[in-house]
Amino acid sequence: MNNLSNNFVALIPLRGGSKSIHKKNIKLIAGKPLCAWTLEAALASELIDQVYVSTDCDEIEDTVQSIDSGVQIIKRPDELATDTASTEAVMLHFASQVDFNNLITIQATSPLLEVLDLERAISQFQVDLCDSMLSAVRCKRFFWQENGQAINYNPLKRPRRQDFKGILMENGAFYITKRDLLQSSRCRLGGKIGIYEMPDTTASEIDEPNDWFIVEQLLLNR
C-alpha cells in the first residue's frame, strides 16, 4: 500500500470492455476522449490530493497518460473487469492499494461534471459532517407504481409544477465515501448520507448510443 496521507482522492474506474459502445471510455466525444472530461475536472480541483484511474486495459492507460501523466494508474485484476463486477469491488481493491481518508468515485459516463461541482460537494461533505455522498438531479415528474399507486404526489391534490419540489434522482456522476465506511460496510453509501444537487442537464449518463449524441450536444453547447 502506498504511504500517502490523502484527505480526498479521486478514483475514475475505466474498464476496457463495453458492449453497447465500442471502446466507450476513450472514444472521442466533443473533440476529446470520453474519460478526459472527468479527468480534467478532477485534476483541476485544488481540494483533490491525487487522481487515480483503475483499468485493465493498456490502451486506456496510454490514453490517460497522454491526457495527464500525473494521473496514477491502478492495474485492475481481470476478475474485476467483467460485466458482473461491482463498482464497490473496484473501490475496495483500490483501498487495498492506496491510503486515503475520503474517496471520490467519479464515473466517466457523466462528462458534464465540472470542477465546481466537485469542490462544492467536498465543501458540503465537510460542513455537514457526512459519511458518504451522492450526486443527484431534481426531477419534477409524477411517478407511479405498476399497481396504480402514485409514488411522489397525491392525485387528489395535484400540485402545480412551480409549487412541486419533485424528487431527487441519482445521476451517477460521483460518490464520496469515507474509507472506514467503505471497508466496514463494503458499500459506497451509508452512515450520514449527503446529497449534492446538480443541474437537470446532468441527468443523462452515457450507456447507450442515443445517450452519446444527447450528451455530446450538451458538451458542445456548454
C-alpha atoms as a PDB file:
ATOM      1  CA  MET A   1       0.000   0.000   0.000  1.00  0.00           C
ATOM      2  CA  ASN A   2       1.265   3.446  -0.882  1.00  0.00           C
ATOM      3  CA  ASN A   3       2.237   5.508   2.152  1.00  0.00           C
ATOM      4  CA  LEU A   4       0.085   8.503   1.351  1.00  0.00           C
ATOM      5  CA  SER A   5      -1.952  10.543   3.788  1.00  0.00           C
ATOM      6  CA  ASN A   6      -4.568  11.907   1.413  1.00  0.00           C
ATOM      7  CA  ASN A   7      -7.696  13.619   2.632  1.00  0.00           C
ATOM      8  CA  PHE A   8      -9.646  13.416  -0.636  1.00  0.00           C
ATOM      9  CA  VAL A   9      -8.561  11.285  -3.575  1.00  0.00           C
ATOM     10  CA  ALA A  10     -10.443  10.699  -6.815  1.00  0.00           C
ATOM     11  CA  LEU A  11     -10.890   7.320  -8.487  1.00  0.00           C
ATOM     12  CA  ILE A  12     -12.180   7.006 -12.039  1.00  0.00           C
ATOM     13  CA  PRO A  13     -12.906   3.373 -12.971  1.00  0.00           C
ATOM     14  CA  LEU A  14     -12.245   2.788 -16.682  1.00  0.00           C
ATOM     15  CA  ARG A  15     -12.935  -0.752 -17.801  1.00  0.00           C
ATOM     16  CA  GLY A  16     -11.752  -1.858 -21.229  1.00  0.00           C
ATOM     17  CA  GLY A  17     -14.833  -3.807 -22.263  1.00  0.00           C
ATOM     18  CA  SER A  18     -18.010  -2.075 -23.418  1.00  0.00           C
ATOM     19  CA  LYS A  19     -20.728  -3.902 -25.295  1.00  0.00           C
ATOM     20  CA  SER A  20     -23.053  -1.012 -26.104  1.00  0.00           C
ATOM     21  CA  ILE A  21     -20.426   1.466 -27.364  1.00  0.00           C
ATOM     22  CA  HIS A  22     -17.068   0.108 -28.584  1.00  0.00           C
ATOM     23  CA  LYS A  23     -14.091   1.497 -26.600  1.00  0.00           C
ATOM     24  CA  LYS A  24     -16.509   3.882 -24.917  1.00  0.00           C
ATOM     25  CA  ASN A  25     -14.163   5.295 -22.290  1.00  0.00           C
ATOM     26  CA  ILE A  26     -11.618   6.532 -24.854  1.00  0.00           C
ATOM     27  CA  LYS A  27     -13.951   7.217 -27.788  1.00  0.00           C
ATOM     28  CA  LEU A  28     -13.907  10.868 -28.862  1.00  0.00           C
ATOM     29  CA  ILE A  29     -16.849  12.978 -27.734  1.00  0.00           C
ATOM     30  CA  ALA A  30     -16.955  16.714 -28.450  1.00  0.00           C
ATOM     31  CA  GLY A  31     -13.312  16.509 -29.518  1.00  0.00           C
ATOM     32  CA  LYS A  32     -11.877  14.652 -26.509  1.00  0.00           C
ATOM     33  CA  PRO A  33     -11.755  11.061 -25.253  1.00  0.00           C
ATOM     34  CA  LEU A  34     -14.778  10.486 -23.026  1.00  0.00           C
ATOM     35  CA  CYS A  35     -12.610   9.951 -19.941  1.00  0.00           C
ATOM     36  CA  ALA A  36     -10.806  13.278 -20.497  1.00  0.00           C
ATOM     37  CA  TRP A  37     -13.801  15.328 -19.387  1.00  0.00           C
ATOM     38  CA  THR A  38     -13.987  13.883 -15.876  1.00  0.00           C
ATOM     39  CA  LEU A  39     -10.226  13.531 -15.568  1.00  0.00           C
ATOM     40  CA  GLU A  40      -9.743  17.220 -16.303  1.00  0.00           C
ATOM     41  CA  ALA A  41     -12.456  18.205 -13.816  1.00  0.00           C
ATOM     42  CA  ALA A  42     -10.828  16.150 -11.050  1.00  0.00           C
ATOM     43  CA  LEU A  43      -7.307  17.340 -11.881  1.00  0.00           C
ATOM     44  CA  ALA A  44      -8.431  20.980 -11.786  1.00  0.00           C
ATOM     45  CA  SER A  45      -9.660  20.733  -8.196  1.00  0.00           C
ATOM     46  CA  GLU A  46      -7.371  22.082  -5.505  1.00  0.00           C
ATOM     47  CA  LEU A  47      -9.340  20.046  -2.941  1.00  0.00           C
ATOM     48  CA  ILE A  48      -8.427  16.680  -4.503  1.00  0.00           C
ATOM     49  CA  ASP A  49      -4.968  15.475  -3.487  1.00  0.00           C
ATOM     50  CA  GLN A  50      -4.482  12.835  -6.174  1.00  0.00           C
ATOM     51  CA  VAL A  51      -6.361  11.434  -9.153  1.00  0.00           C
ATOM     52  CA  TYR A  52      -6.291   7.707  -9.928  1.00  0.00           C
ATOM     53  CA  VAL A  53      -7.635   5.524 -12.718  1.00  0.00           C
ATOM     54  CA  SER A  54      -8.425   1.852 -12.236  1.00  0.00           C
ATOM     55  CA  THR A  55      -8.203  -0.047 -15.517  1.00  0.00           C
ATOM     56  CA  ASP A  56      -7.497  -3.441 -17.029  1.00  0.00           C
ATOM     57  CA  CYS A  57      -6.688  -2.014 -20.474  1.00  0.00           C
ATOM     58  CA  ASP A  58      -3.278  -0.873 -21.770  1.00  0.00           C
ATOM     59  CA  GLU A  59      -4.885   1.324 -24.442  1.00  0.00           C
ATOM     60  CA  ILE A  60      -6.897   3.165 -21.799  1.00  0.00           C
ATOM     61  CA  GLU A  61      -3.771   3.573 -19.683  1.00  0.00           C
ATOM     62  CA  ASP A  62      -1.897   5.089 -22.632  1.00  0.00           C
ATOM     63  CA  THR A  63      -4.786   7.471 -23.349  1.00  0.00           C
ATOM     64  CA  VAL A  64      -4.981   8.578 -19.724  1.00  0.00           C
ATOM     65  CA  GLN A  65      -1.232   9.209 -19.560  1.00  0.00           C
ATOM     66  CA  SER A  66      -1.436  11.269 -22.761  1.00  0.00           C
ATOM     67  CA  ILE A  67      -4.100  13.448 -21.129  1.00  0.00           C
ATOM     68  CA  ASP A  68      -2.056  13.981 -17.958  1.00  0.00           C
ATOM     69  CA  SER A  69       0.979  11.986 -16.894  1.00  0.00           C
ATOM     70  CA  GLY A  70       0.276  12.879 -13.260  1.00  0.00           C
ATOM     71  CA  VAL A  71      -2.700  10.542 -13.096  1.00  0.00           C
ATOM     72  CA  GLN A  72      -1.813   7.394 -11.153  1.00  0.00           C
ATOM     73  CA  ILE A  73      -2.815   4.073 -12.721  1.00  0.00           C
ATOM     74  CA  ILE A  74      -4.120   1.186 -10.631  1.00  0.00           C
ATOM     75  CA  LYS A  75      -3.948  -2.110 -12.509  1.00  0.00           C
ATOM     76  CA  ARG A  76      -7.316  -3.804 -12.185  1.00  0.00           C
ATOM     77  CA  PRO A  77      -7.391  -7.617 -11.916  1.00  0.00           C
ATOM     78  CA  ASP A  78      -9.273  -9.413 -14.687  1.00  0.00           C
ATOM     79  CA  GLU A  79     -11.948 -10.644 -12.276  1.00  0.00           C
ATOM     80  CA  LEU A  80     -12.838  -7.015 -11.509  1.00  0.00           C
ATOM     81  CA  ALA A  81     -13.193  -6.103 -15.195  1.00  0.00           C
ATOM     82  CA  THR A  82     -16.170  -8.309 -16.018  1.00  0.00           C
ATOM     83  CA  ASP A  83     -19.752  -7.232 -16.702  1.00  0.00           C
ATOM     84  CA  THR A  84     -20.784  -8.562 -13.299  1.00  0.00           C
ATOM     85  CA  ALA A  85     -18.041  -6.969 -11.179  1.00  0.00           C
ATOM     86  CA  SER A  86     -19.429  -4.272  -8.889  1.00  0.00           C
ATOM     87  CA  THR A  87     -18.110  -0.741  -8.507  1.00  0.00           C
ATOM     88  CA  GLU A  88     -17.735  -1.460  -4.796  1.00  0.00           C
ATOM     89  CA  ALA A  89     -15.372  -4.335  -5.583  1.00  0.00           C
ATOM     90  CA  VAL A  90     -13.218  -1.935  -7.623  1.00  0.00           C
ATOM     91  CA  MET A  91     -13.309   0.623  -4.803  1.00  0.00           C
ATOM     92  CA  LEU A  92     -12.279  -1.969  -2.230  1.00  0.00           C
ATOM     93  CA  HIS A  93      -9.419  -3.157  -4.441  1.00  0.00           C
ATOM     94  CA  PHE A  94      -8.302   0.463  -4.702  1.00  0.00           C
ATOM     95  CA  ALA A  95      -8.484   0.830  -0.911  1.00  0.00           C
ATOM     96  CA  SER A  96      -6.129  -2.136  -0.577  1.00  0.00           C
ATOM     97  CA  GLN A  97      -3.567  -0.296  -2.715  1.00  0.00           C
ATOM     98  CA  VAL A  98      -3.825   3.350  -1.632  1.00  0.00           C
ATOM     99  CA  ASP A  99      -4.141   5.218   1.665  1.00  0.00           C
ATOM    100  CA  PHE A 100      -6.841   7.892   1.825  1.00  0.00           C
ATOM    101  CA  ASN A 101      -9.414   9.384   4.168  1.00  0.00           C
ATOM    102  CA  ASN A 102     -12.194  10.056   1.679  1.00  0.00           C
ATOM    103  CA  LEU A 103     -12.706   8.542  -1.756  1.00  0.00           C
ATOM    104  CA  ILE A 104     -14.454  10.370  -4.594  1.00  0.00           C
ATOM    105  CA  THR A 105     -15.522   7.777  -7.147  1.00  0.00           C
ATOM    106  CA  ILE A 106     -16.202   9.541 -10.449  1.00  0.00           C
ATOM    107  CA  GLN A 107     -17.911   7.915 -13.425  1.00  0.00           C
ATOM    108  CA  ALA A 108     -16.574   8.825 -16.860  1.00  0.00           C
ATOM    109  CA  THR A 109     -20.050   8.261 -18.296  1.00  0.00           C
ATOM    110  CA  SER A 110     -21.039  11.631 -16.765  1.00  0.00           C
ATOM    111  CA  PRO A 111     -18.759  14.003 -18.719  1.00  0.00           C
ATOM    112  CA  LEU A 112     -20.891  17.059 -17.879  1.00  0.00           C
ATOM    113  CA  LEU A 113     -19.372  17.033 -14.389  1.00  0.00           C
ATOM    114  CA  GLU A 114     -17.371  20.205 -13.708  1.00  0.00           C
ATOM    115  CA  VAL A 115     -14.661  21.064 -11.194  1.00  0.00           C
ATOM    116  CA  LEU A 116     -17.011  23.478  -9.428  1.00  0.00           C
ATOM    117  CA  ASP A 117     -19.392  20.596  -8.710  1.00  0.00           C
ATOM    118  CA  LEU A 118     -16.606  18.581  -7.107  1.00  0.00           C
ATOM    119  CA  GLU A 119     -15.371  21.457  -4.961  1.00  0.00           C
ATOM    120  CA  ARG A 120     -18.833  22.444  -3.777  1.00  0.00           C
ATOM    121  CA  ALA A 121     -19.632  18.811  -2.982  1.00  0.00           C
ATOM    122  CA  ILE A 122     -16.422  18.366  -0.988  1.00  0.00           C
ATOM    123  CA  SER A 123     -17.164  21.529   0.986  1.00  0.00           C
ATOM    124  CA  GLN A 124     -20.738  20.373   1.651  1.00  0.00           C
ATOM    125  CA  PHE A 125     -19.456  16.942   2.680  1.00  0.00           C
ATOM    126  CA  GLN A 126     -17.139  18.512   5.253  1.00  0.00           C
ATOM    127  CA  VAL A 127     -19.526  21.143   6.603  1.00  0.00           C
ATOM    128  CA  ASP A 128     -22.372  18.640   7.031  1.00  0.00           C
ATOM    129  CA  LEU A 129     -20.056  16.013   8.566  1.00  0.00           C
ATOM    130  CA  CYS A 130     -21.203  13.371   6.086  1.00  0.00           C
ATOM    131  CA  ASP A 131     -20.027   9.773   5.941  1.00  0.00           C
ATOM    132  CA  SER A 132     -20.942   9.449   2.270  1.00  0.00           C
ATOM    133  CA  MET A 133     -22.488  11.495  -0.504  1.00  0.00           C
ATOM    134  CA  LEU A 134     -24.128  11.030  -3.889  1.00  0.00           C
ATOM    135  CA  SER A 135     -24.781  13.404  -6.758  1.00  0.00           C
ATOM    136  CA  ALA A 136     -28.354  13.855  -7.923  1.00  0.00           C
ATOM    137  CA  VAL A 137     -30.677  15.929 -10.071  1.00  0.00           C
ATOM    138  CA  ARG A 138     -34.159  17.151  -9.180  1.00  0.00           C
ATOM    139  CA  CYS A 139     -36.860  15.548 -11.275  1.00  0.00           C
ATOM    140  CA  LYS A 140     -40.250  17.260 -11.407  1.00  0.00           C
ATOM    141  CA  ARG A 141     -42.179  14.331 -12.844  1.00  0.00           C
ATOM    142  CA  PHE A 142     -45.026  12.335 -11.339  1.00  0.00           C
ATOM    143  CA  PHE A 143     -44.110   8.680 -10.720  1.00  0.00           C
ATOM    144  CA  TRP A 144     -46.408   5.693 -10.407  1.00  0.00           C
ATOM    145  CA  GLN A 145     -46.136   2.049  -9.412  1.00  0.00           C
ATOM    146  CA  GLU A 146     -47.456  -0.615 -11.775  1.00  0.00           C
ATOM    147  CA  ASN A 147     -50.330  -1.294  -9.371  1.00  0.00           C
ATOM    148  CA  GLY A 148     -51.704   2.204  -9.960  1.00  0.00           C
ATOM    149  CA  GLN A 149     -50.343   3.773  -6.761  1.00  0.00           C
ATOM    150  CA  ALA A 150     -48.806   7.226  -7.015  1.00  0.00           C
ATOM    151  CA  ILE A 151     -45.262   7.389  -5.624  1.00  0.00           C
ATOM    152  CA  ASN A 152     -44.418  11.048  -5.162  1.00  0.00           C
ATOM    153  CA  TYR A 153     -47.676  13.015  -5.108  1.00  0.00           C
ATOM    154  CA  ASN A 154     -51.341  12.873  -4.158  1.00  0.00           C
ATOM    155  CA  PRO A 155     -53.585  12.800  -7.262  1.00  0.00           C
ATOM    156  CA  LEU A 156     -56.379  14.422  -5.216  1.00  0.00           C
ATOM    157  CA  LYS A 157     -54.114  17.396  -4.600  1.00  0.00           C
ATOM    158  CA  ARG A 158     -52.145  17.554  -7.836  1.00  0.00           C
ATOM    159  CA  PRO A 159     -49.545  20.296  -7.322  1.00  0.00           C
ATOM    160  CA  ARG A 160     -48.704  22.970  -9.860  1.00  0.00           C
ATOM    161  CA  ARG A 161     -45.241  22.456 -11.336  1.00  0.00           C
ATOM    162  CA  GLN A 162     -43.950  25.708  -9.810  1.00  0.00           C
ATOM    163  CA  ASP A 163     -45.068  24.513  -6.353  1.00  0.00           C
ATOM    164  CA  PHE A 164     -43.815  20.946  -6.750  1.00  0.00           C
ATOM    165  CA  LYS A 165     -40.469  20.102  -5.138  1.00  0.00           C
ATOM    166  CA  GLY A 166     -40.143  16.930  -7.165  1.00  0.00           C
ATOM    167  CA  ILE A 167     -37.867  14.058  -6.254  1.00  0.00           C
ATOM    168  CA  LEU A 168     -34.091  13.652  -6.281  1.00  0.00           C
ATOM    169  CA  MET A 169     -32.644  11.083  -8.679  1.00  0.00           C
ATOM    170  CA  GLU A 170     -29.079   9.772  -8.642  1.00  0.00           C
ATOM    171  CA  ASN A 171     -27.294  10.916 -11.782  1.00  0.00           C
ATOM    172  CA  GLY A 172     -24.256   8.699 -11.203  1.00  0.00           C
ATOM    173  CA  ALA A 173     -21.701  11.474 -11.677  1.00  0.00           C
ATOM    174  CA  PHE A 174     -19.809  10.835  -8.435  1.00  0.00           C
ATOM    175  CA  TYR A 175     -19.930   9.406  -4.930  1.00  0.00           C
ATOM    176  CA  ILE A 176     -17.888  10.372  -1.879  1.00  0.00           C
ATOM    177  CA  THR A 177     -17.190   7.683   0.708  1.00  0.00           C
ATOM    178  CA  LYS A 178     -15.198   7.672   3.915  1.00  0.00           C
ATOM    179  CA  ARG A 179     -12.597   4.939   3.968  1.00  0.00           C
ATOM    180  CA  ASP A 180     -13.843   3.403   7.240  1.00  0.00           C
ATOM    181  CA  LEU A 181     -17.409   3.218   5.942  1.00  0.00           C
ATOM    182  CA  LEU A 182     -16.345   1.606   2.661  1.00  0.00           C
ATOM    183  CA  GLN A 183     -14.292  -1.053   4.385  1.00  0.00           C
ATOM    184  CA  SER A 184     -16.809  -1.831   7.136  1.00  0.00           C
ATOM    185  CA  SER A 185     -19.986  -1.845   5.033  1.00  0.00           C
ATOM    186  CA  ARG A 186     -18.465  -2.732   1.644  1.00  0.00           C
ATOM    187  CA  CYS A 187     -20.868  -0.171   0.197  1.00  0.00           C
ATOM    188  CA  ARG A 188     -20.315   3.288  -1.291  1.00  0.00           C
ATOM    189  CA  LEU A 189     -23.224   4.800   0.661  1.00  0.00           C
ATOM    190  CA  GLY A 190     -24.075   4.612   4.337  1.00  0.00           C
ATOM    191  CA  GLY A 191     -23.947   6.420   7.649  1.00  0.00           C
ATOM    192  CA  LYS A 192     -24.934  10.062   7.293  1.00  0.00           C
ATOM    193  CA  ILE A 193     -25.617  10.397   3.553  1.00  0.00           C
ATOM    194  CA  GLY A 194     -25.395  13.792   1.880  1.00  0.00           C
ATOM    195  CA  ILE A 195     -26.876  14.687  -1.491  1.00  0.00           C
ATOM    196  CA  TYR A 196     -25.220  17.164  -3.836  1.00  0.00           C
ATOM    197  CA  GLU A 197     -27.743  18.537  -6.298  1.00  0.00           C
ATOM    198  CA  MET A 198     -26.583  19.131  -9.870  1.00  0.00           C
ATOM    199  CA  PRO A 199     -28.347  20.848 -12.817  1.00  0.00           C
ATOM    200  CA  ASP A 200     -31.021  18.807 -14.560  1.00  0.00           C
ATOM    201  CA  THR A 201     -28.916  18.801 -17.758  1.00  0.00           C
ATOM    202  CA  THR A 202     -26.580  16.342 -15.999  1.00  0.00           C
ATOM    203  CA  ALA A 203     -29.282  13.682 -15.645  1.00  0.00           C
ATOM    204  CA  SER A 204     -28.029  11.753 -18.681  1.00  0.00           C
ATOM    205  CA  GLU A 205     -25.404   9.022 -18.300  1.00  0.00           C
ATOM    206  CA  ILE A 206     -23.773   7.559 -21.395  1.00  0.00           C
ATOM    207  CA  ASP A 207     -24.870   3.931 -21.518  1.00  0.00           C
ATOM    208  CA  GLU A 208     -26.382   3.598 -24.992  1.00  0.00           C
ATOM    209  CA  PRO A 209     -25.587   5.165 -28.408  1.00  0.00           C
ATOM    210  CA  ASN A 210     -28.575   7.542 -28.163  1.00  0.00           C
ATOM    211  CA  ASP A 211     -27.192   8.910 -24.880  1.00  0.00           C
ATOM    212  CA  TRP A 212     -23.931   9.662 -26.648  1.00  0.00           C
ATOM    213  CA  PHE A 213     -25.479  12.078 -29.142  1.00  0.00           C
ATOM    214  CA  ILE A 214     -27.525  13.882 -26.479  1.00  0.00           C
ATOM    215  CA  VAL A 215     -24.582  14.404 -24.128  1.00  0.00           C
ATOM    216  CA  GLU A 216     -22.217  15.368 -26.947  1.00  0.00           C
ATOM    217  CA  GLN A 217     -24.566  18.167 -27.984  1.00  0.00           C
ATOM    218  CA  LEU A 218     -24.757  19.392 -24.379  1.00  0.00           C
ATOM    219  CA  LEU A 219     -20.955  19.429 -24.191  1.00  0.00           C
ATOM    220  CA  LEU A 220     -20.664  21.343 -27.458  1.00  0.00           C
ATOM    221  CA  ASN A 221     -23.238  23.881 -26.273  1.00  0.00           C
ATOM    222  CA  ARG A 222     -21.565  24.393 -22.880  1.00  0.00           C
END
